[in-house]
Protein backbone atom coordinates (compact mmCIF):
# COMPACT_ATOMS: atom_id res chain seq x y z
CA UNK A 1 0.37 -0.52 -0.74
CA UNK A 2 1.07 3.61 -0.13
CA UNK A 3 1.38 5.59 3.02
CA UNK A 4 -1.40 7.45 1.74
CA UNK A 5 -3.50 4.69 2.01
CA UNK A 6 -1.72 3.78 4.26
CA UNK A 7 -2.18 6.98 7.13
CA UNK A 8 -5.96 5.97 5.31
CA UNK A 9 -5.80 2.71 7.03
CA UNK A 10 -5.01 3.30 10.16
CA UNK A 11 -7.73 5.91 11.22
CA UNK A 12 -5.71 9.32 11.17
CA UNK A 13 -6.42 12.35 10.14
CA UNK A 14 -5.05 12.98 6.50
CA UNK A 15 -3.94 15.94 4.68
CA UNK A 16 -3.50 16.16 0.60
CA UNK A 17 -2.53 19.24 -1.57
CA UNK A 18 -3.28 20.21 -4.76
CA UNK A 19 0.27 21.01 -6.24
CA UNK A 20 -0.41 24.51 -8.79
CA UNK A 21 0.92 23.44 -12.04
CA UNK A 22 4.57 25.49 -13.37
CA UNK A 23 4.54 25.76 -17.37
CA UNK A 24 8.72 25.09 -17.53
CA UNK A 25 10.80 22.54 -19.66
CA UNK A 26 13.28 22.82 -15.33
CA UNK A 27 11.82 20.06 -13.30
CA UNK A 28 13.55 21.74 -10.47
CA UNK A 29 10.59 24.58 -11.26
CA UNK A 30 7.83 21.87 -10.60
CA UNK A 31 9.26 19.98 -7.49
CA UNK A 32 10.08 23.03 -5.87
CA UNK A 33 6.86 24.34 -4.83
CA UNK A 34 5.76 19.66 -4.07
CA UNK A 35 8.66 20.29 -2.39
CA UNK A 36 7.51 21.99 -0.01
CA UNK A 37 4.05 20.84 0.43
CA UNK A 38 5.84 17.68 0.95
CA UNK A 39 6.38 19.20 3.94
CA UNK A 40 3.73 19.60 5.99
CA UNK A 41 1.03 17.54 3.69
CA UNK A 42 1.16 12.84 3.12
CA UNK A 43 0.59 13.60 -0.52
CA UNK A 44 0.47 15.31 -3.05
CA UNK A 45 -2.16 15.50 -6.06
CA UNK A 46 -0.60 16.11 -9.64
CA UNK A 47 -2.60 17.27 -12.25
CA UNK A 48 -4.07 16.91 -15.14
CA UNK A 49 -4.31 20.10 -17.27
CA UNK A 50 -6.76 21.12 -15.75
CA UNK A 51 -9.46 23.58 -17.34
CA UNK A 52 -8.53 23.06 -20.17
CA UNK A 53 -5.65 23.90 -19.85
CA UNK A 54 -2.47 22.49 -21.36
CA UNK A 55 0.09 21.70 -18.39
CA UNK A 56 2.75 18.87 -17.65
CA UNK A 57 2.23 15.48 -17.54
CA UNK A 58 0.65 14.69 -15.37
CA UNK A 59 2.70 10.87 -15.57
CA UNK A 60 5.88 12.57 -15.50
CA UNK A 61 5.20 15.02 -13.30
CA UNK A 62 4.37 12.51 -10.41
CA UNK A 63 7.03 9.77 -10.98
CA UNK A 64 9.41 13.13 -11.06
CA UNK A 65 7.50 13.32 -8.27
CA UNK A 66 7.92 9.55 -6.66
CA UNK A 67 11.20 9.48 -6.82
CA UNK A 68 12.15 13.14 -5.56
CA UNK A 69 10.64 11.52 -2.50
CA UNK A 70 7.15 12.68 -2.32
CA UNK A 71 4.45 11.08 -2.60
CA UNK A 72 1.93 11.97 -5.91
CA UNK A 73 -1.26 11.31 -6.93
CA UNK A 74 -1.05 11.65 -10.37
CA UNK A 75 -5.15 12.68 -11.52
CA UNK A 76 -6.42 11.38 -14.73
CA UNK A 77 -8.40 12.65 -16.95
CA UNK A 78 -11.37 11.33 -19.91
CA UNK A 79 -10.66 15.40 -21.63
CA UNK A 80 -7.89 14.03 -23.56
CA UNK A 81 -7.19 10.15 -25.28
CA UNK A 82 -9.10 7.73 -25.23
CA UNK A 83 -9.30 4.32 -24.01
CA UNK A 84 -6.06 3.26 -25.87
CA UNK A 85 -3.90 5.86 -23.90
CA UNK A 86 -5.63 5.82 -20.55
CA UNK A 87 -5.75 2.25 -19.95
CA UNK A 88 -1.44 2.62 -21.42
CA UNK A 89 -1.09 5.53 -18.82
CA UNK A 90 -2.17 3.59 -16.09
CA UNK A 91 0.10 0.50 -16.37
CA UNK A 92 2.83 2.92 -17.37
CA UNK A 93 2.12 4.35 -14.01
CA UNK A 94 1.92 1.41 -12.13
CA UNK A 95 5.18 0.17 -13.61
CA UNK A 96 6.86 3.63 -12.54
CA UNK A 97 5.98 2.88 -8.95
CA UNK A 98 2.56 4.78 -8.62
CA UNK A 99 0.13 3.28 -6.38
CA UNK A 100 -2.51 5.93 -6.05
CA UNK A 101 -4.68 7.15 -9.07
CA UNK A 102 -6.99 10.23 -9.40
CA UNK A 103 -9.04 9.78 -12.21
CA UNK A 104 -11.88 12.60 -13.55
CA UNK A 105 -13.90 12.92 -16.42
CA UNK A 106 -12.11 16.91 -17.27
CA UNK A 107 -13.77 19.85 -18.40
CA UNK A 108 -14.81 20.70 -21.34
CA UNK A 109 -12.68 21.55 -23.51
CA UNK A 110 -14.34 25.12 -23.80
CA UNK A 111 -13.42 26.31 -21.06
CA UNK A 112 -9.97 26.18 -21.19
CA UNK A 113 -6.96 28.81 -23.04
CA UNK A 114 -6.93 26.16 -26.96
CA UNK A 115 -10.72 26.12 -26.53
CA UNK A 116 -11.00 24.75 -30.51
CA UNK A 117 -9.30 21.68 -28.74
CA UNK A 118 -10.54 17.97 -29.46
CA UNK A 119 -12.78 16.08 -27.25
CA UNK A 120 -12.06 12.90 -26.00
CA UNK A 121 -14.00 12.00 -23.82
CA UNK A 122 -14.40 8.24 -24.79
CA UNK A 123 -15.20 7.49 -21.49
CA UNK A 124 -15.87 9.27 -18.49
CA UNK A 125 -15.29 8.85 -14.88
CA UNK A 126 -17.27 6.25 -13.24
CA UNK A 127 -15.69 4.23 -16.70
CA UNK A 128 -12.32 5.49 -16.06
CA UNK A 129 -12.18 3.52 -12.44
CA UNK A 130 -13.89 0.25 -14.04
CA UNK A 131 -11.57 0.35 -16.14
CA UNK A 132 -8.53 0.10 -13.40
CA UNK A 133 -10.92 -1.82 -10.92
CA UNK A 134 -10.44 -4.30 -14.10
CA UNK A 135 -7.10 -4.51 -14.83
CA UNK A 136 -6.36 -4.61 -10.90
CA UNK A 137 -9.01 -7.05 -9.87
CA UNK A 138 -9.36 -8.77 -12.54
CA UNK A 139 -6.25 -8.46 -14.77
CA UNK A 140 -7.27 -7.49 -17.91
CA UNK A 141 -7.33 -4.89 -19.33
CA UNK A 142 -11.25 -4.15 -20.92
CA UNK A 143 -10.13 -6.12 -24.06
CA UNK A 144 -9.59 -9.41 -22.65
CA UNK A 145 -5.99 -9.38 -22.55
CA UNK A 146 -4.35 -10.42 -19.72
CA UNK A 147 -1.87 -8.77 -17.48
CA UNK A 148 0.78 -9.97 -15.18
CA UNK A 149 2.00 -9.06 -13.39
CA UNK A 150 -1.45 -6.57 -12.65
CA UNK A 151 -1.41 -2.92 -11.37
CA UNK A 152 -2.29 -2.34 -7.75
CA UNK A 153 -4.07 1.26 -7.29
CA UNK A 154 -5.23 3.22 -4.56
CA UNK A 155 -8.45 4.92 -6.27
CA UNK A 156 -9.33 8.16 -5.78
CA UNK A 157 -12.96 10.16 -7.15
CA UNK A 158 -14.21 13.82 -7.06
CA UNK A 159 -17.76 15.16 -5.86
CA UNK A 160 -18.99 18.35 -5.33
CA UNK A 161 -21.91 17.93 -2.47
CA UNK A 162 -21.93 21.88 -3.75
CA UNK A 163 -24.14 22.27 -6.64
CA UNK A 164 -27.17 21.34 -8.20
CA UNK A 165 -29.35 18.33 -8.44
CA UNK A 166 -28.09 18.31 -4.41
CA UNK A 167 -30.26 14.39 -3.67
CA UNK A 168 -28.07 13.55 -6.79
CA UNK A 169 -24.91 13.00 -5.81
CA UNK A 170 -24.81 11.36 -3.35
CA UNK A 171 -25.96 8.77 -6.02
CA UNK A 172 -23.08 9.75 -8.29
CA UNK A 173 -20.94 9.11 -5.50
CA UNK A 174 -21.98 5.88 -5.27
CA UNK A 175 -21.81 4.47 -8.58
CA UNK A 176 -18.59 5.89 -8.47
CA UNK A 177 -17.11 2.94 -4.82
CA UNK A 178 -19.13 0.95 -6.78
CA UNK A 179 -16.97 0.77 -9.61
CA UNK A 180 -13.78 1.04 -7.38
CA UNK A 181 -13.05 4.47 -6.29
CA UNK A 182 -11.63 3.83 -2.74
CA UNK A 183 -11.00 7.99 -2.19
CA UNK A 184 -12.76 10.80 -2.56
CA UNK A 185 -11.58 14.16 -2.28
CA UNK A 186 -14.08 17.16 -3.25
CA UNK A 187 -14.71 20.60 -4.63
CA UNK A 188 -13.21 23.26 -1.51
CA UNK A 189 -16.66 23.65 0.57
CA UNK A 190 -17.14 26.64 1.80
CA UNK A 191 -20.72 25.77 2.93
CA UNK A 192 -21.31 23.98 5.51
CA UNK A 193 -24.28 23.58 5.66
CA UNK A 194 -24.55 22.13 2.18
CA UNK A 195 -21.70 19.78 4.10
CA UNK A 196 -23.76 17.85 6.90
CA UNK A 197 -26.54 17.44 4.54
CA UNK A 198 -24.32 15.32 1.95
CA UNK A 199 -22.09 13.67 4.43
CA UNK A 200 -26.30 12.91 6.03
CA UNK A 201 -27.11 11.21 2.58
CA UNK A 202 -23.57 9.88 2.08
CA UNK A 203 -24.11 7.48 5.44
CA UNK A 204 -28.02 6.73 4.47
CA UNK A 205 -25.52 5.17 1.59
CA UNK A 206 -22.87 3.49 4.24
CA UNK A 207 -21.21 4.75 1.49
CA UNK A 208 -18.59 6.83 3.64
CA UNK A 209 -17.44 2.53 5.23
CA UNK A 210 -15.97 2.17 1.55
CA UNK A 211 -14.30 5.26 0.30
CA UNK A 212 -12.54 7.90 2.78
CA UNK A 213 -13.89 10.96 2.33
CA UNK A 214 -11.74 13.93 1.89
CA UNK A 215 -12.66 17.67 1.74
CA UNK A 216 -11.76 20.24 -0.29
CA UNK A 217 -10.92 23.59 1.68
CA UNK A 218 -8.38 26.84 0.48
CA UNK A 219 -7.88 30.01 2.26
CA UNK A 220 -9.21 32.69 0.75
CA UNK A 221 -6.06 35.42 0.08
CA UNK A 222 -8.23 38.37 -0.83
CA UNK A 223 -12.54 38.64 -2.00
CA UNK A 224 -11.76 39.39 -5.69
CA UNK A 225 -9.77 36.47 -5.99
CA UNK A 226 -13.59 34.49 -4.44
CA UNK A 227 -15.23 37.05 -6.62
CA UNK A 228 -13.27 35.97 -9.82
CA UNK A 229 -13.68 32.24 -8.55
CA UNK A 230 -17.11 31.39 -7.70
CA UNK A 231 -18.02 33.26 -11.84
CA UNK A 232 -15.27 32.48 -13.71
CA UNK A 233 -14.85 29.02 -12.29
CA UNK A 234 -16.84 26.09 -13.40
CA UNK A 235 -17.70 23.47 -9.86
CA UNK A 236 -17.05 25.93 -7.13
CA UNK A 237 -19.76 27.66 -4.66
CA UNK A 238 -19.22 31.14 -2.29
CA UNK A 239 -21.81 32.42 -0.52
CA UNK A 240 -22.76 35.55 -0.10
CA UNK A 241 -21.76 35.92 3.52
CA UNK A 242 -17.99 34.79 2.96
CA UNK A 243 -17.88 37.17 -0.28
CA UNK A 244 -19.62 40.60 2.37
CA UNK A 245 -16.93 38.63 5.26
CA UNK A 246 -14.06 39.29 2.09
CA UNK A 247 -14.62 42.52 1.58
CA UNK A 248 -15.50 44.26 4.81
CA UNK A 249 -12.41 43.55 6.09
CA UNK A 250 -9.47 46.23 4.72
CA UNK A 251 -7.17 45.17 1.68
CA UNK A 252 -4.16 44.64 3.22
CA UNK A 253 -6.01 42.50 5.90
CA UNK A 254 -8.76 40.37 3.16
CA UNK A 255 -5.35 36.83 3.03
CA UNK A 256 -5.75 36.43 6.83
CA UNK A 257 -9.93 37.33 7.07
CA UNK A 258 -9.97 34.22 4.00
CA UNK A 259 -7.15 32.11 6.22
CA UNK A 260 -9.44 32.43 9.08
CA UNK A 261 -12.55 31.31 7.32
CA UNK A 262 -10.59 28.06 5.88
CA UNK A 263 -9.74 27.71 9.91
CA UNK A 264 -12.74 27.55 10.85
CA UNK A 265 -13.97 25.46 7.98
CA UNK A 266 -11.48 22.57 8.18
CA UNK A 267 -12.06 22.60 12.43
CA UNK A 268 -16.28 22.11 11.58
CA UNK A 269 -14.95 19.37 8.60
CA UNK A 270 -13.17 17.36 11.06
CA UNK A 271 -15.96 17.34 13.77
CA UNK A 272 -18.15 15.53 10.64
CA UNK A 273 -18.40 12.03 11.45
CA UNK A 274 -17.14 9.77 8.07
CA UNK A 275 -14.57 12.85 6.88
CA UNK A 276 -11.28 10.71 6.49
CA UNK A 277 -9.32 13.88 6.22
CA UNK A 278 -9.25 17.73 3.67
CA UNK A 279 -7.92 18.94 0.84
CA UNK A 280 -6.02 21.64 0.71
CA UNK A 281 -5.79 23.58 -2.57
CA UNK A 282 -4.65 27.63 -2.64
CA UNK A 283 -3.67 28.22 -6.18
CA UNK A 284 0.30 29.36 -6.47
CA UNK A 285 0.39 29.83 -2.84
CA UNK A 286 2.41 26.95 -1.02
CA UNK A 287 3.42 28.78 1.56
CA UNK A 288 -0.52 28.87 2.21
CA UNK A 289 -1.23 24.87 2.53
CA UNK A 290 1.31 25.58 5.26
CA UNK A 291 -0.57 27.60 7.25
CA UNK A 292 -3.22 25.52 7.60
CA UNK A 293 -1.86 22.85 8.59
CA UNK A 294 0.41 24.96 11.22
CA UNK A 295 -2.44 26.58 12.25
CA UNK A 296 -4.79 23.29 11.73
CA UNK A 297 -2.50 21.74 14.14
CA UNK A 298 -3.21 18.59 11.26
CA UNK A 299 -0.23 16.44 11.76
CA UNK A 300 1.16 14.94 8.57
CA UNK A 301 3.95 14.57 6.20
CA UNK A 302 6.06 12.39 5.53
CA UNK A 303 6.24 9.28 8.25
CA UNK A 304 9.03 8.34 9.75
CA UNK A 305 11.34 6.74 7.92
CA UNK A 306 10.11 8.51 4.62
CA UNK A 307 13.67 9.84 1.99
CA UNK A 308 14.21 13.06 3.06
CA UNK A 309 12.85 15.87 0.93
CA UNK A 310 15.10 18.47 -0.22
CA UNK A 311 14.73 21.95 0.85
CA UNK A 312 12.48 24.00 -1.15
CA UNK A 313 15.39 26.28 -3.31
CA UNK A 314 14.89 30.08 -1.46
CA UNK A 315 15.01 31.84 -5.36
CA UNK A 316 10.96 31.41 -5.58
CA UNK A 317 10.98 29.90 -9.09
CA UNK A 318 8.35 31.49 -10.86
CA UNK A 319 9.17 35.37 -11.24
CA UNK A 320 5.48 35.27 -13.67
CA UNK A 321 3.83 34.25 -10.72
CA UNK A 322 0.32 35.87 -9.88
CA UNK A 323 0.06 37.71 -6.64
CA UNK A 324 -2.42 37.18 -4.17
CA UNK A 325 -4.50 40.24 -6.11
CA UNK A 326 -4.44 38.98 -9.45
CA UNK A 327 -6.64 36.45 -10.69
CA UNK A 328 -5.26 32.76 -10.73
CA UNK A 329 -4.36 32.19 -14.86
CA UNK A 330 -7.07 29.18 -14.97
CA UNK A 331 -8.58 26.91 -13.19
CA UNK A 332 -7.02 26.05 -9.12
CA UNK A 333 -9.55 23.03 -7.98
CA UNK A 334 -9.44 20.06 -9.97
CA UNK A 335 -13.05 18.69 -8.98
CA UNK A 336 -14.61 21.10 -11.99
CA UNK A 337 -15.02 18.04 -14.80
CA UNK A 338 -15.84 15.23 -11.88
């Protein structure tokens, strides 16, 4: 089992984080922020061209993290690959030592920065989950070709309890669990009552007994970014009260206010029965992820005896990185096209 799976099975409240993509052919530009995250969390999600914007290959990036002693969760989407390529990438990941995979449908190309790109969608997320399960458990590709030895994956899926139809969301999650998902990471949570209702339904279906649920959380750096996220990013829901609270403090205090909101959400999420952990997202602000872990008292990070990750460089590897008050260049979360 991966360290990530071991921690969840042990009953520890687990923390993962999203690696914001850097567009560079220099592996150090990619690894530096990953090392910062790895010092604070159990595993690091490697996105697959989120928001239909081209970024470094999740397979190549996951292999780099794995070789650096960082536990990757490789995301794989259906938008850009047919079933042949998807199965090939899954087998390649297993052969490279990748154990955690997070399988989604993917955002449509129309929302990305190359909107004329052809979409594939040969499979959807549930079908891809079933494909990975077939490879692991039944030791074969979809066409029946045998695998010897088969891959061994800890398989994850996305959920978004915060968009309608609300009553359908637990049943969609049930379909993914039945297809093979063993952990679930949700979209950003800023609506606690909606999450509480969702988890009540999840427990009613017994899904929390078959899959570990990690709730997506993240600190908002400014009221402006909060408004951009909820108006431009598919699947992100931020209630008016949250934006108004951010806007109600001076601009120079908004980042701290966003941090306080995040910490309050984490504290309440930890008390919800059936929640196994949190998934932290902060677009190109790995420092904020580390601060959330520290201030929330979330004891996580590499297990004793794990290979030590190299210290992050003090020099900023991405000089064109947006300031906290600028809009993110693309979707900062990974679950729009769940």
